[in-house]
PDB file of N, CA and C in Angstrom:
ATOM      1  N   UNK A   1       0.846  -1.178   0.000  1.00  0.00           N
ATOM      2  CA  UNK A   1       0.000   0.000   0.000  1.00  0.00           C
ATOM      3  C   UNK A   1       0.889   1.238   0.000  1.00  0.00           C
ATOM      4  N   UNK A   2       0.532   2.209  -0.832  1.00  0.00           N
ATOM      5  CA  UNK A   2       1.283   3.462  -0.875  1.00  0.00           C
ATOM      6  C   UNK A   2       1.014   4.287   0.379  1.00  0.00           C
ATOM      7  N   UNK A   3       1.992   5.107   0.730  1.00  0.00           N
ATOM      8  CA  UNK A   3       1.833   5.986   1.890  1.00  0.00           C
ATOM      9  C   UNK A   3       0.810   7.079   1.584  1.00  0.00           C
ATOM     10  N   UNK A   4      -0.034   7.358   2.560  1.00  0.00           N
ATOM     11  CA  UNK A   4      -1.013   8.441   2.460  1.00  0.00           C
ATOM     12  C   UNK A   4      -0.580   9.533   3.430  1.00  0.00           C
ATOM     13  N   UNK A   5      -0.493  10.755   2.910  1.00  0.00           N
ATOM     14  CA  UNK A   5      -0.135  11.913   3.726  1.00  0.00           C
ATOM     15  C   UNK A   5      -1.259  12.922   3.603  1.00  0.00           C
ATOM     16  N   UNK A   6      -1.689  13.458   4.746  1.00  0.00           N
ATOM     17  CA  UNK A   6      -2.754  14.448   4.758  1.00  0.00           C
ATOM     18  C   UNK A   6      -2.300  15.656   5.572  1.00  0.00           C
ATOM     19  N   UNK A   7      -2.335  16.817   4.935  1.00  0.00           N
ATOM     20  CA  UNK A   7      -2.020  18.090   5.602  1.00  0.00           C
ATOM     21  C   UNK A   7      -3.320  18.625   6.177  1.00  0.00           C
ATOM     22  N   UNK A   8      -3.292  18.994   7.457  1.00  0.00           N
ATOM     23  CA  UNK A   8      -4.515  19.361   8.170  1.00  0.00           C
ATOM     24  C   UNK A   8      -4.327  20.589   9.057  1.00  0.00           C
ATOM     25  N   UNK A   9      -5.458  21.028   9.599  1.00  0.00           N
ATOM     26  CA  UNK A   9      -5.524  21.982  10.713  1.00  0.00           C
ATOM     27  C   UNK A   9      -6.555  21.436  11.684  1.00  0.00           C
ATOM     28  N   UNK A  10      -6.384  21.711  12.956  1.00  0.00           N
ATOM     29  CA  UNK A  10      -7.225  21.089  13.990  1.00  0.00           C
ATOM     30  C   UNK A  10      -8.697  21.477  13.890  1.00  0.00           C
ATOM     31  N   UNK A  11      -9.008  22.673  13.443  1.00  0.00           N
ATOM     32  CA  UNK A  11     -10.395  23.150  13.435  1.00  0.00           C
ATOM     33  C   UNK A  11     -11.115  22.897  12.107  1.00  0.00           C
ATOM     34  N   UNK A  12     -10.495  22.190  11.207  1.00  0.00           N
ATOM     35  CA  UNK A  12     -11.026  22.004   9.853  1.00  0.00           C
ATOM     36  C   UNK A  12     -11.989  20.818   9.797  1.00  0.00           C
ATOM     37  N   UNK A  13     -13.279  21.062   9.533  1.00  0.00           N
ATOM     38  CA  UNK A  13     -14.233  19.945   9.472  1.00  0.00           C
ATOM     39  C   UNK A  13     -13.970  18.995   8.303  1.00  0.00           C
ATOM     40  N   UNK A  14     -13.448  19.511   7.203  1.00  0.00           N
ATOM     41  CA  UNK A  14     -13.152  18.643   6.063  1.00  0.00           C
ATOM     42  C   UNK A  14     -11.942  17.747   6.345  1.00  0.00           C
ATOM     43  N   UNK A  15     -11.019  18.242   7.147  1.00  0.00           N
ATOM     44  CA  UNK A  15      -9.886  17.416   7.586  1.00  0.00           C
ATOM     45  C   UNK A  15     -10.398  16.258   8.432  1.00  0.00           C
ATOM     46  N   UNK A  16     -11.316  16.561   9.330  1.00  0.00           N
ATOM     47  CA  UNK A  16     -11.910  15.542  10.194  1.00  0.00           C
ATOM     48  C   UNK A  16     -12.629  14.494   9.357  1.00  0.00           C
ATOM     49  N   UNK A  17     -13.384  14.937   8.359  1.00  0.00           N
ATOM     50  CA  UNK A  17     -14.104  14.003   7.480  1.00  0.00           C
ATOM     51  C   UNK A  17     -13.136  13.128   6.684  1.00  0.00           C
ATOM     52  N   UNK A  18     -12.078  13.725   6.166  1.00  0.00           N
ATOM     53  CA  UNK A  18     -11.098  12.964   5.381  1.00  0.00           C
ATOM     54  C   UNK A  18     -10.426  11.906   6.250  1.00  0.00           C
ATOM     55  N   UNK A  19     -10.022  12.284   7.460  1.00  0.00           N
ATOM     56  CA  UNK A  19      -9.379  11.323   8.361  1.00  0.00           C
ATOM     57  C   UNK A  19     -10.348  10.215   8.749  1.00  0.00           C
ATOM     58  N   UNK A  20     -11.615  10.562   8.954  1.00  0.00           N
ATOM     59  CA  UNK A  20     -12.625   9.556   9.308  1.00  0.00           C
ATOM     60  C   UNK A  20     -12.849   8.572   8.158  1.00  0.00           C
ATOM     61  N   UNK A  21     -12.881   9.071   6.934  1.00  0.00           N
ATOM     62  CA  UNK A  21     -13.058   8.193   5.777  1.00  0.00           C
ATOM     63  C   UNK A  21     -11.888   7.220   5.665  1.00  0.00           C
ATOM     64  N   UNK A  22     -10.673   7.739   5.774  1.00  0.00           N
ATOM     65  CA  UNK A  22      -9.495   6.885   5.691  1.00  0.00           C
ATOM     66  C   UNK A  22      -9.487   5.853   6.819  1.00  0.00           C
ATOM     67  N   UNK A  23      -9.797   6.286   8.020  1.00  0.00           N
ATOM     68  CA  UNK A  23      -9.822   5.395   9.176  1.00  0.00           C
ATOM     69  C   UNK A  23     -10.883   4.315   9.007  1.00  0.00           C
ATOM     70  N   UNK A  24     -12.062   4.691   8.502  1.00  0.00           N
ATOM     71  CA  UNK A  24     -13.148   3.716   8.326  1.00  0.00           C
ATOM     72  C   UNK A  24     -12.781   2.634   7.321  1.00  0.00           C
ATOM     73  N   UNK A  25     -11.884   2.949   6.401  1.00  0.00           N
ATOM     74  CA  UNK A  25     -11.430   1.972   5.414  1.00  0.00           C
ATOM     75  C   UNK A  25     -10.165   1.243   5.863  1.00  0.00           C
ATOM     76  N   UNK A  26      -9.684   1.569   7.057  1.00  0.00           N
ATOM     77  CA  UNK A  26      -8.483   0.919   7.572  1.00  0.00           C
ATOM     78  C   UNK A  26      -7.211   1.362   6.873  1.00  0.00           C
ATOM     79  N   UNK A  27      -7.230   2.571   6.328  1.00  0.00           N
ATOM     80  CA  UNK A  27      -6.074   3.092   5.591  1.00  0.00           C
ATOM     81  C   UNK A  27      -5.216   3.928   6.551  1.00  0.00           C
ATOM     82  N   UNK A  28      -3.996   3.495   6.825  1.00  0.00           N
ATOM     83  CA  UNK A  28      -3.126   4.306   7.685  1.00  0.00           C
ATOM     84  C   UNK A  28      -2.677   5.566   6.941  1.00  0.00           C
ATOM     85  N   UNK A  29      -2.485   6.624   7.688  1.00  0.00           N
ATOM     86  CA  UNK A  29      -2.050   7.871   7.068  1.00  0.00           C
ATOM     87  C   UNK A  29      -1.126   8.628   8.006  1.00  0.00           C
ATOM     88  N   UNK A  30      -0.301   9.456   7.388  1.00  0.00           N
ATOM     89  CA  UNK A  30       0.578  10.358   8.135  1.00  0.00           C
ATOM     90  C   UNK A  30      -0.084  11.732   8.101  1.00  0.00           C
ATOM     91  N   UNK A  31      -0.351  12.283   9.269  1.00  0.00           N
ATOM     92  CA  UNK A  31      -0.982  13.602   9.369  1.00  0.00           C
ATOM     93  C   UNK A  31       0.083  14.659   9.644  1.00  0.00           C
ATOM     94  N   UNK A  32       0.046  15.715   8.858  1.00  0.00           N
ATOM     95  CA  UNK A  32       0.942  16.845   9.076  1.00  0.00           C
ATOM     96  C   UNK A  32       0.071  18.063   9.363  1.00  0.00           C
ATOM     97  N   UNK A  33       0.094  18.521  10.616  1.00  0.00           N
ATOM     98  CA  UNK A  33      -0.706  19.669  11.036  1.00  0.00           C
ATOM     99  C   UNK A  33       0.046  20.945  10.672  1.00  0.00           C
ATOM    100  N   UNK A  34      -0.550  21.764   9.818  1.00  0.00           N
ATOM    101  CA  UNK A  34       0.103  22.986   9.349  1.00  0.00           C
ATOM    102  C   UNK A  34      -0.402  24.237  10.073  1.00  0.00           C
ATOM    103  N   UNK A  35      -1.225  24.042  11.097  1.00  0.00           N
ATOM    104  CA  UNK A  35      -1.837  25.175  11.791  1.00  0.00           C
ATOM    105  C   UNK A  35      -0.805  26.145  12.358  1.00  0.00           C
ATOM    106  N   UNK A  36       0.218  25.635  13.014  1.00  0.00           N
ATOM    107  CA  UNK A  36       1.239  26.490  13.615  1.00  0.00           C
ATOM    108  C   UNK A  36       2.640  26.218  13.073  1.00  0.00           C
ATOM    109  N   UNK A  37       2.714  25.465  12.003  1.00  0.00           N
ATOM    110  CA  UNK A  37       4.006  25.077  11.439  1.00  0.00           C
ATOM    111  C   UNK A  37       4.154  25.702  10.049  1.00  0.00           C
ATOM    112  N   UNK A  38       4.768  26.875  10.012  1.00  0.00           N
ATOM    113  CA  UNK A  38       4.903  27.607   8.749  1.00  0.00           C
ATOM    114  C   UNK A  38       5.704  26.833   7.705  1.00  0.00           C
ATOM    115  N   UNK A  39       6.710  26.119   8.144  1.00  0.00           N
ATOM    116  CA  UNK A  39       7.534  25.347   7.210  1.00  0.00           C
ATOM    117  C   UNK A  39       6.709  24.229   6.560  1.00  0.00           C
ATOM    118  N   UNK A  40       5.906  23.535   7.359  1.00  0.00           N
ATOM    119  CA  UNK A  40       5.057  22.466   6.822  1.00  0.00           C
ATOM    120  C   UNK A  40       3.989  23.052   5.898  1.00  0.00           C
ATOM    121  N   UNK A  41       3.453  24.215   6.260  1.00  0.00           N
ATOM    122  CA  UNK A  41       2.440  24.869   5.416  1.00  0.00           C
ATOM    123  C   UNK A  41       3.046  25.263   4.075  1.00  0.00           C
ATOM    124  N   UNK A  42       4.244  25.810   4.081  1.00  0.00           N
ATOM    125  CA  UNK A  42       4.923  26.176   2.841  1.00  0.00           C
ATOM    126  C   UNK A  42       5.194  24.948   1.982  1.00  0.00           C
ATOM    127  N   UNK A  43       5.575  23.849   2.619  1.00  0.00           N
ATOM    128  CA  UNK A  43       5.789  22.592   1.894  1.00  0.00           C
ATOM    129  C   UNK A  43       4.487  22.128   1.238  1.00  0.00           C
ATOM    130  N   UNK A  44       3.366  22.197   1.982  1.00  0.00           N
ATOM    131  CA  UNK A  44       2.066  21.807   1.450  1.00  0.00           C
ATOM    132  C   UNK A  44       1.707  22.634   0.227  1.00  0.00           C
ATOM    133  N   UNK A  45       1.901  23.941   0.321  1.00  0.00           N
ATOM    134  CA  UNK A  45       1.576  24.838  -0.792  1.00  0.00           C
ATOM    135  C   UNK A  45       2.470  24.541  -1.992  1.00  0.00           C
ATOM    136  N   UNK A  46       3.742  24.312  -1.746  1.00  0.00           N
ATOM    137  CA  UNK A  46       4.669  24.005  -2.836  1.00  0.00           C
ATOM    138  C   UNK A  46       4.282  22.711  -3.548  1.00  0.00           C
ATOM    139  N   UNK A  47       3.919  21.700  -2.776  1.00  0.00           N
ATOM    140  CA  UNK A  47       3.586  20.403  -3.358  1.00  0.00           C
ATOM    141  C   UNK A  47       2.216  20.374  -4.028  1.00  0.00           C
ATOM    142  N   UNK A  48       1.246  21.057  -3.427  1.00  0.00           N
ATOM    143  CA  UNK A  48      -0.132  20.979  -3.924  1.00  0.00           C
ATOM    144  C   UNK A  48      -0.550  22.171  -4.779  1.00  0.00           C
ATOM    145  N   UNK A  49       0.180  23.277  -4.630  1.00  0.00           N
ATOM    146  CA  UNK A  49      -0.190  24.533  -5.287  1.00  0.00           C
ATOM    147  C   UNK A  49      -1.558  25.036  -4.815  1.00  0.00           C
ATOM    148  N   UNK A  50      -1.918  24.637  -3.602  1.00  0.00           N
ATOM    149  CA  UNK A  50      -3.166  25.076  -2.965  1.00  0.00           C
ATOM    150  C   UNK A  50      -2.861  25.503  -1.532  1.00  0.00           C
ATOM    151  N   UNK A  51      -3.704  26.409  -1.017  1.00  0.00           N
ATOM    152  CA  UNK A  51      -3.481  26.921   0.331  1.00  0.00           C
ATOM    153  C   UNK A  51      -4.485  26.402   1.344  1.00  0.00           C
ATOM    154  N   UNK A  52      -5.494  25.681   0.889  1.00  0.00           N
ATOM    155  CA  UNK A  52      -6.534  25.186   1.791  1.00  0.00           C
ATOM    156  C   UNK A  52      -6.204  23.781   2.284  1.00  0.00           C
ATOM    157  N   UNK A  53      -6.807  23.416   3.401  1.00  0.00           N
ATOM    158  CA  UNK A  53      -6.660  22.065   3.935  1.00  0.00           C
ATOM    159  C   UNK A  53      -8.017  21.386   3.908  1.00  0.00           C
ATOM    160  N   UNK A  54      -8.038  20.073   3.858  1.00  0.00           N
ATOM    161  CA  UNK A  54      -6.900  19.178   3.785  1.00  0.00           C
ATOM    162  C   UNK A  54      -6.326  19.107   2.369  1.00  0.00           C
ATOM    163  N   UNK A  55      -5.073  18.745   2.303  1.00  0.00           N
ATOM    164  CA  UNK A  55      -4.431  18.369   1.041  1.00  0.00           C
ATOM    165  C   UNK A  55      -3.931  16.951   1.249  1.00  0.00           C
ATOM    166  N   UNK A  56      -4.321  16.074   0.329  1.00  0.00           N
ATOM    167  CA  UNK A  56      -4.085  14.643   0.509  1.00  0.00           C
ATOM    168  C   UNK A  56      -3.227  14.117  -0.638  1.00  0.00           C
ATOM    169  N   UNK A  57      -2.233  13.321  -0.262  1.00  0.00           N
ATOM    170  CA  UNK A  57      -1.328  12.697  -1.225  1.00  0.00           C
ATOM    171  C   UNK A  57      -1.346  11.196  -1.022  1.00  0.00           C
ATOM    172  N   UNK A  58      -1.359  10.470  -2.130  1.00  0.00           N
ATOM    173  CA  UNK A  58      -1.176   9.022  -2.105  1.00  0.00           C
ATOM    174  C   UNK A  58       0.116   8.770  -2.856  1.00  0.00           C
ATOM    175  N   UNK A  59       1.129   8.319  -2.122  1.00  0.00           N
ATOM    176  CA  UNK A  59       2.462   8.260  -2.708  1.00  0.00           C
ATOM    177  C   UNK A  59       2.866   9.677  -3.081  1.00  0.00           C
ATOM    178  N   UNK A  60       3.274   9.879  -4.310  1.00  0.00           N
ATOM    179  CA  UNK A  60       3.634  11.224  -4.780  1.00  0.00           C
ATOM    180  C   UNK A  60       2.479  11.897  -5.516  1.00  0.00           C
ATOM    181  N   UNK A  61       1.345  11.202  -5.628  1.00  0.00           N
ATOM    182  CA  UNK A  61       0.196  11.726  -6.373  1.00  0.00           C
ATOM    183  C   UNK A  61      -0.687  12.588  -5.477  1.00  0.00           C
ATOM    184  N   UNK A  62      -0.901  13.830  -5.869  1.00  0.00           N
ATOM    185  CA  UNK A  62      -1.764  14.751  -5.124  1.00  0.00           C
ATOM    186  C   UNK A  62      -3.201  14.529  -5.569  1.00  0.00           C
ATOM    187  N   UNK A  63      -4.048  14.067  -4.637  1.00  0.00           N
ATOM    188  CA  UNK A  63      -5.439  13.846  -5.028  1.00  0.00           C
ATOM    189  C   UNK A  63      -6.321  15.044  -4.755  1.00  0.00           C
ATOM    190  N   UNK A  64      -5.883  15.975  -3.919  1.00  0.00           N
ATOM    191  CA  UNK A  64      -6.679  17.158  -3.623  1.00  0.00           C
ATOM    192  C   UNK A  64      -7.173  17.135  -2.198  1.00  0.00           C
ATOM    193  N   UNK A  65      -8.421  17.595  -2.017  1.00  0.00           N
ATOM    194  CA  UNK A  65      -9.001  17.704  -0.691  1.00  0.00           C
ATOM    195  C   UNK A  65     -10.013  16.617  -0.396  1.00  0.00           C
ATOM    196  N   UNK A  66     -10.863  16.882   0.595  1.00  0.00           N
ATOM    197  CA  UNK A  66     -11.835  15.881   1.026  1.00  0.00           C
ATOM    198  C   UNK A  66     -12.795  15.495  -0.088  1.00  0.00           C
ATOM    199  N   UNK A  67     -13.345  16.473  -0.791  1.00  0.00           N
ATOM    200  CA  UNK A  67     -14.306  16.159  -1.852  1.00  0.00           C
ATOM    201  C   UNK A  67     -13.691  15.241  -2.904  1.00  0.00           C
ATOM    202  N   UNK A  68     -12.433  15.476  -3.229  1.00  0.00           N
ATOM    203  CA  UNK A  68     -11.738  14.630  -4.201  1.00  0.00           C
ATOM    204  C   UNK A  68     -11.567  13.209  -3.653  1.00  0.00           C
ATOM    205  N   UNK A  69     -11.191  13.104  -2.385  1.00  0.00           N
ATOM    206  CA  UNK A  69     -11.034  11.810  -1.732  1.00  0.00           C
ATOM    207  C   UNK A  69     -12.364  11.056  -1.732  1.00  0.00           C
ATOM    208  N   UNK A  70     -13.427  11.749  -1.382  1.00  0.00           N
ATOM    209  CA  UNK A  70     -14.760  11.147  -1.328  1.00  0.00           C
ATOM    210  C   UNK A  70     -15.172  10.619  -2.701  1.00  0.00           C
ATOM    211  N   UNK A  71     -14.980  11.438  -3.737  1.00  0.00           N
ATOM    212  CA  UNK A  71     -15.347  11.010  -5.101  1.00  0.00           C
ATOM    213  C   UNK A  71     -14.541   9.794  -5.539  1.00  0.00           C
ATOM    214  N   UNK A  72     -13.237   9.796  -5.269  1.00  0.00           N
ATOM    215  CA  UNK A  72     -12.411   8.641  -5.618  1.00  0.00           C
ATOM    216  C   UNK A  72     -12.928   7.375  -4.936  1.00  0.00           C
ATOM    217  N   UNK A  73     -13.290   7.496  -3.682  1.00  0.00           N
ATOM    218  CA  UNK A  73     -13.803   6.349  -2.949  1.00  0.00           C
ATOM    219  C   UNK A  73     -15.129   5.878  -3.527  1.00  0.00           C
ATOM    220  N   UNK A  74     -16.029   6.796  -3.811  1.00  0.00           N
ATOM    221  CA  UNK A  74     -17.337   6.449  -4.352  1.00  0.00           C
ATOM    222  C   UNK A  74     -17.234   5.760  -5.711  1.00  0.00           C
ATOM    223  N   UNK A  75     -16.265   6.148  -6.510  1.00  0.00           N
ATOM    224  CA  UNK A  75     -16.080   5.560  -7.846  1.00  0.00           C
ATOM    225  C   UNK A  75     -15.247   4.284  -7.805  1.00  0.00           C
ATOM    226  N   UNK A  76     -14.785   3.893  -6.623  1.00  0.00           N
ATOM    227  CA  UNK A  76     -13.979   2.693  -6.489  1.00  0.00           C
ATOM    228  C   UNK A  76     -12.543   2.869  -6.950  1.00  0.00           C
ATOM    229  N   UNK A  77     -12.100   4.115  -7.094  1.00  0.00           N
ATOM    230  CA  UNK A  77     -10.760   4.383  -7.598  1.00  0.00           C
ATOM    231  C   UNK A  77      -9.721   4.578  -6.498  1.00  0.00           C
ATOM    232  N   UNK A  78     -10.173   4.780  -5.270  1.00  0.00           N
ATOM    233  CA  UNK A  78      -9.243   5.009  -4.167  1.00  0.00           C
ATOM    234  C   UNK A  78      -8.365   3.784  -3.932  1.00  0.00           C
ATOM    235  N   UNK A  79      -8.978   2.621  -3.879  1.00  0.00           N
ATOM    236  CA  UNK A  79      -8.208   1.391  -3.654  1.00  0.00           C
ATOM    237  C   UNK A  79      -7.226   1.142  -4.789  1.00  0.00           C
ATOM    238  N   UNK A  80      -7.622   1.461  -6.004  1.00  0.00           N
ATOM    239  CA  UNK A  80      -6.725   1.278  -7.157  1.00  0.00           C
ATOM    240  C   UNK A  80      -5.481   2.140  -6.995  1.00  0.00           C
ATOM    241  N   UNK A  81      -5.665   3.388  -6.566  1.00  0.00           N
ATOM    242  CA  UNK A  81      -4.521   4.278  -6.357  1.00  0.00           C
ATOM    243  C   UNK A  81      -3.604   3.772  -5.248  1.00  0.00           C
ATOM    244  N   UNK A  82      -4.203   3.260  -4.194  1.00  0.00           N
ATOM    245  CA  UNK A  82      -3.424   2.799  -3.043  1.00  0.00           C
ATOM    246  C   UNK A  82      -2.557   1.589  -3.367  1.00  0.00           C
ATOM    247  N   UNK A  83      -3.047   0.743  -4.243  1.00  0.00           N
ATOM    248  CA  UNK A  83      -2.370  -0.536  -4.477  1.00  0.00           C
ATOM    249  C   UNK A  83      -1.748  -0.667  -5.875  1.00  0.00           C
ATOM    250  N   UNK A  84      -1.754   0.410  -6.647  1.00  0.00           N
ATOM    251  CA  UNK A  84      -1.183   0.324  -8.010  1.00  0.00           C
ATOM    252  C   UNK A  84       0.303   0.604  -8.006  1.00  0.00           C
TER     253      UNK A  84
END
């Protein structure tokens, strides 16, 4: 399984939803909280070219935010990305 990395902030409801979806599927993930970590936030922006959270990566592939994660799961494409 490819590594999943999610950039988050503690007060973000979409971050909470994304983590809950991953957890419900038994998918381990590395969480990087960018709320007070300017260096991590800059890294997130550089990698994703977006400033909002969550930003989710599977391996080196940037899938986007919660809505993107949800759509991938609904279409059955999330598992394909994780194991391809």
